[in-house]
Amino acid sequence: MSLAARPQCILLTRPEPGAARTRARLEALGHSVVSDPMLHFKETGAPLPRGPFSALAFTSAHGVRALAARPQASALRSLPVFTVGGRTGAQARTAGFAHVIEADGNIEALAALLSARLAPGTRILHAAGADRAGDLAAMLGRRQIAVALCVLYAMAPAQKLADATRAALIEGRIDTALHYSTRSAQTLLHCVAADGVKELLRALRHLCLSPAIAAPLAAAGCTVEIAGTAEEDALLTLL
């Protein structure tokens, strides 16, 4: 029986709360999971910029959760919300934002959507994290759309593997690792090097959501496979 056909032990390094959802999906498929998030959510406590705003922009589900937790969120829920993709859009609806418009999965698509929907002179609030894939304000500045950036959270990197993860690698129990972000992949490489088990990581299959995520793993000598689209369903079909 091939590796893809049998139940596997899978290393999952994505942050919570996404890790819990993915773990449940994998276990429902008959796989066992070693979950060791490489990034941990921390709120910054930064004050929100003063309004008014014509719309909100979110480039991550974490940004939605961080803004929704603020007392000022109730006054913002009636505004149009533009999100980078479907997962962030779903989180915005769950958080009570009524009018949600989704882009096609990256910040360039979000900038194009905002440019098409908003008039020059508009001012929007971008609730974001400390690490961002692009500069939304610069992209929209050419359209004279002002962006008030508020960094509401940071994703702190792990410094070492969890004891259970290191033991599972040493004992050869892990078959496959799933990778959802470039930064998580880079942090995992740092942790295995610090713990002296980098060679053991190279023995695994590494399934990646995009070529950018696969790049640091491939450079480290890992065997990578890339999902056909940047969606979890496509990633899990590689198992």
Protein backbone atom coordinates (compact mmCIF):
# COMPACT_ATOMS: atom_id res chain seq x y z
CA MET A 1 0.00 0.00 0.00
CA SER A 2 1.40 3.42 -0.94
CA LEU A 3 2.11 6.16 1.56
CA ALA A 4 -0.69 8.27 0.10
CA ALA A 5 -3.21 5.43 0.52
CA ARG A 6 -2.55 4.58 4.17
CA PRO A 7 -3.19 6.61 7.32
CA GLN A 8 -0.25 8.87 8.05
CA CYS A 9 1.22 10.70 11.00
CA ILE A 10 1.23 14.36 10.00
CA LEU A 11 3.22 17.26 11.44
CA LEU A 12 1.03 20.37 11.54
CA THR A 13 2.78 23.68 12.23
CA ARG A 14 0.08 26.26 11.48
CA PRO A 15 -1.06 28.61 14.27
CA GLU A 16 -4.27 28.35 16.22
CA PRO A 17 -7.18 28.52 15.70
CA GLY A 18 -6.56 27.15 12.20
CA ALA A 19 -4.54 24.25 13.59
CA ALA A 20 -7.51 22.87 15.52
CA ARG A 21 -9.75 22.96 12.43
CA THR A 22 -7.16 21.25 10.25
CA ARG A 23 -6.41 18.66 12.91
CA ALA A 24 -10.09 17.74 13.08
CA ARG A 25 -10.21 17.33 9.28
CA LEU A 26 -7.10 15.16 9.24
CA GLU A 27 -8.29 12.94 12.06
CA ALA A 28 -11.65 12.51 10.32
CA LEU A 29 -9.67 11.20 7.32
CA GLY A 30 -7.98 8.62 9.56
CA HIS A 31 -4.63 10.34 10.06
CA SER A 32 -2.85 11.02 13.34
CA VAL A 33 -1.52 14.53 13.97
CA VAL A 34 1.43 16.04 15.80
CA SER A 35 0.45 19.70 16.19
CA ASP A 36 3.25 22.16 17.00
CA PRO A 37 2.39 25.75 15.97
CA MET A 38 5.47 27.65 14.87
CA LEU A 39 3.83 31.06 15.32
CA HIS A 40 1.82 32.34 18.28
CA PHE A 41 -0.73 35.17 18.19
CA LYS A 42 -0.06 38.19 20.43
CA GLU A 43 -2.09 41.40 20.49
CA THR A 44 -0.08 44.62 20.34
CA GLY A 45 -2.53 46.84 22.23
CA ALA A 46 -2.05 49.58 19.61
CA PRO A 47 -4.77 52.27 19.67
CA LEU A 48 -7.07 52.48 16.68
CA PRO A 49 -6.60 55.50 14.39
CA ARG A 50 -9.29 58.15 14.58
CA GLY A 51 -12.06 57.91 11.98
CA PRO A 52 -14.14 58.43 10.05
CA PHE A 53 -13.56 55.55 7.65
CA SER A 54 -15.46 54.58 4.53
CA ALA A 55 -14.50 50.90 4.69
CA LEU A 56 -12.38 48.29 6.46
CA ALA A 57 -9.67 46.11 4.92
CA PHE A 58 -8.45 42.81 6.36
CA THR A 59 -5.50 40.82 5.07
CA SER A 60 -5.81 38.00 7.62
CA ALA A 61 -8.37 36.26 9.80
CA HIS A 62 -6.21 37.17 12.81
CA GLY A 63 -6.73 40.84 11.96
CA VAL A 64 -10.49 40.31 11.99
CA ARG A 65 -10.37 38.63 15.39
CA ALA A 66 -8.11 41.33 16.84
CA LEU A 67 -10.36 44.18 15.69
CA ALA A 68 -13.57 42.38 16.66
CA ALA A 69 -12.25 42.10 20.23
CA ARG A 70 -11.95 45.89 20.55
CA PRO A 71 -14.80 47.88 22.15
CA GLN A 72 -14.83 50.20 19.11
CA ALA A 73 -15.72 47.31 16.79
CA SER A 74 -19.47 47.73 17.31
CA ALA A 75 -19.34 51.16 15.66
CA LEU A 76 -17.46 49.74 12.66
CA ARG A 77 -19.60 46.69 11.87
CA SER A 78 -21.91 48.61 9.52
CA LEU A 79 -19.01 49.58 7.22
CA PRO A 80 -18.21 47.69 4.02
CA VAL A 81 -15.47 45.12 4.66
CA PHE A 82 -12.95 44.06 2.02
CA THR A 83 -10.95 40.90 2.71
CA VAL A 84 -7.97 39.29 1.04
CA GLY A 85 -9.79 36.00 0.48
CA GLY A 86 -12.54 33.59 1.43
CA ARG A 87 -11.14 32.39 4.75
CA THR A 88 -10.75 35.96 6.02
CA GLY A 89 -14.17 36.85 4.65
CA ALA A 90 -15.78 33.96 6.51
CA GLN A 91 -14.12 35.11 9.74
CA ALA A 92 -15.44 38.64 9.18
CA ARG A 93 -19.00 37.36 8.81
CA THR A 94 -18.62 35.23 11.93
CA ALA A 95 -17.42 38.34 13.79
CA GLY A 96 -20.62 40.19 12.87
CA PHE A 97 -19.52 42.33 9.92
CA ALA A 98 -22.53 42.41 7.64
CA HIS A 99 -21.27 43.61 4.26
CA VAL A 100 -18.20 41.55 3.28
CA ILE A 101 -16.56 41.56 -0.16
CA GLU A 102 -13.79 39.04 -0.85
CA ALA A 103 -10.74 39.36 -3.11
CA ASP A 104 -9.07 36.43 -4.84
CA GLY A 105 -6.51 35.47 -2.22
CA ASN A 106 -3.60 37.94 -2.28
CA ILE A 107 -2.93 41.56 -1.42
CA GLU A 108 -2.61 42.61 -5.07
CA ALA A 109 -6.12 41.30 -5.74
CA LEU A 110 -7.38 43.10 -2.64
CA ALA A 111 -5.82 46.38 -3.80
CA ALA A 112 -7.41 45.96 -7.23
CA LEU A 113 -10.81 45.26 -5.65
CA LEU A 114 -10.60 48.32 -3.41
CA SER A 115 -9.49 50.49 -6.34
CA ALA A 116 -12.46 49.33 -8.39
CA ARG A 117 -15.05 49.78 -5.63
CA LEU A 118 -13.93 52.95 -3.82
CA ALA A 119 -13.68 56.51 -5.07
CA PRO A 120 -10.53 58.65 -4.87
CA GLY A 121 -10.44 60.53 -1.58
CA THR A 122 -11.82 57.56 0.36
CA ARG A 123 -10.15 56.67 3.67
CA ILE A 124 -10.10 53.09 4.94
CA LEU A 125 -8.89 51.29 8.06
CA HIS A 126 -6.50 48.39 7.49
CA ALA A 127 -6.42 46.13 10.58
CA ALA A 128 -3.30 44.02 10.16
CA GLY A 129 -0.39 42.17 11.70
CA ALA A 130 3.22 43.19 12.14
CA ASP A 131 4.34 40.98 9.24
CA ARG A 132 2.54 41.75 5.98
CA ALA A 133 2.91 40.39 2.46
CA GLY A 134 2.75 43.81 0.80
CA ASP A 135 2.15 47.53 1.27
CA LEU A 136 -1.56 48.14 0.76
CA ALA A 137 -1.21 51.87 1.44
CA ALA A 138 1.36 52.26 -1.34
CA MET A 139 -0.75 50.26 -3.78
CA LEU A 140 -3.84 52.38 -3.09
CA GLY A 141 -1.99 55.69 -2.87
CA ARG A 142 -1.78 55.75 -6.65
CA ARG A 143 -5.60 55.80 -6.64
CA GLN A 144 -5.69 58.52 -3.97
CA ILE A 145 -7.29 56.14 -1.48
CA ALA A 146 -5.89 56.76 2.00
CA VAL A 147 -5.10 53.79 4.24
CA ALA A 148 -4.93 54.11 8.03
CA LEU A 149 -2.83 51.12 9.08
CA CYS A 150 -3.31 49.71 12.57
CA VAL A 151 -0.98 46.88 13.62
CA LEU A 152 -3.20 44.98 16.05
CA TYR A 153 -1.19 41.78 16.47
CA ALA A 154 2.10 40.03 15.90
CA MET A 155 2.88 36.37 15.34
CA ALA A 156 5.74 35.44 17.68
CA PRO A 157 7.97 32.62 16.39
CA ALA A 158 8.64 29.45 18.36
CA GLN A 159 12.22 29.06 19.57
CA LYS A 160 12.31 25.27 19.71
CA LEU A 161 10.24 22.21 18.92
CA ALA A 162 7.76 20.90 21.44
CA ASP A 163 9.16 17.86 23.26
CA ALA A 164 6.50 15.63 21.69
CA THR A 165 7.45 16.80 18.18
CA ARG A 166 11.15 16.21 18.71
CA ALA A 167 10.46 12.73 20.12
CA ALA A 168 8.18 11.85 17.18
CA LEU A 169 10.89 12.89 14.70
CA ILE A 170 13.60 10.93 16.48
CA GLU A 171 11.38 7.84 16.69
CA GLY A 172 10.52 8.10 12.97
CA ARG A 173 6.79 8.32 13.58
CA ILE A 174 6.07 11.33 11.35
CA ASP A 175 5.46 10.75 7.63
CA THR A 176 4.43 14.13 6.27
CA ALA A 177 4.50 17.82 7.18
CA LEU A 178 1.88 20.35 6.05
CA HIS A 179 2.96 23.95 5.46
CA TYR A 180 0.59 26.93 5.35
CA SER A 181 2.94 29.94 5.43
CA THR A 182 6.49 30.87 4.50
CA ARG A 183 7.21 32.23 7.95
CA SER A 184 6.02 29.04 9.68
CA ALA A 185 8.23 26.98 7.36
CA GLN A 186 11.23 29.20 8.08
CA THR A 187 10.59 28.99 11.82
CA LEU A 188 10.37 25.20 11.65
CA LEU A 189 13.74 25.06 9.89
CA HIS A 190 15.23 27.24 12.63
CA CYS A 191 13.77 25.02 15.36
CA VAL A 192 14.96 21.71 13.91
CA ALA A 193 18.44 23.16 13.47
CA ALA A 194 18.45 24.42 17.07
CA ASP A 195 17.29 20.99 18.29
CA GLY A 196 19.78 19.06 16.16
CA VAL A 197 17.19 17.15 14.11
CA LYS A 198 17.38 18.94 10.75
CA GLU A 199 18.35 15.74 8.90
CA LEU A 200 15.25 14.00 10.27
CA LEU A 201 13.04 16.76 8.86
CA ARG A 202 14.51 16.16 5.40
CA ALA A 203 13.23 12.58 5.50
CA LEU A 204 9.58 13.73 5.50
CA ARG A 205 7.25 14.61 2.65
CA HIS A 206 6.59 18.35 2.74
CA LEU A 207 3.25 19.48 1.32
CA CYS A 208 3.04 23.23 0.72
CA LEU A 209 0.21 25.63 -0.03
CA SER A 210 2.27 27.68 -2.53
CA PRO A 211 5.67 27.87 -4.27
CA ALA A 212 6.74 30.70 -1.94
CA ILE A 213 6.14 28.47 1.07
CA ALA A 214 8.02 25.59 -0.54
CA ALA A 215 11.09 27.69 -1.40
CA PRO A 216 12.90 27.74 1.98
CA LEU A 217 12.17 24.05 2.53
CA ALA A 218 13.52 23.10 -0.90
CA ALA A 219 16.60 25.24 -0.27
CA ALA A 220 17.16 23.27 2.95
CA GLY A 221 17.13 19.98 1.04
CA CYS A 222 13.56 18.90 1.77
CA THR A 223 11.38 17.12 -0.79
CA VAL A 224 8.43 19.42 -1.45
CA GLU A 225 5.08 19.08 -3.20
CA ILE A 226 2.91 22.10 -3.98
CA ALA A 227 -0.89 22.30 -3.98
CA GLY A 228 -2.57 23.13 -7.27
CA THR A 229 -4.28 26.14 -5.68
CA ALA A 230 -3.65 28.02 -2.44
CA GLU A 231 -6.59 26.36 -0.68
CA GLU A 232 -6.56 23.74 2.06
CA ASP A 233 -8.71 21.33 0.04
CA ALA A 234 -6.07 21.30 -2.69
CA LEU A 235 -3.32 20.76 -0.12
CA LEU A 236 -5.07 17.79 1.47
CA THR A 237 -5.57 16.09 -1.90
CA LEU A 238 -1.77 15.60 -1.96
CA LEU A 239 -1.93 13.26 1.05
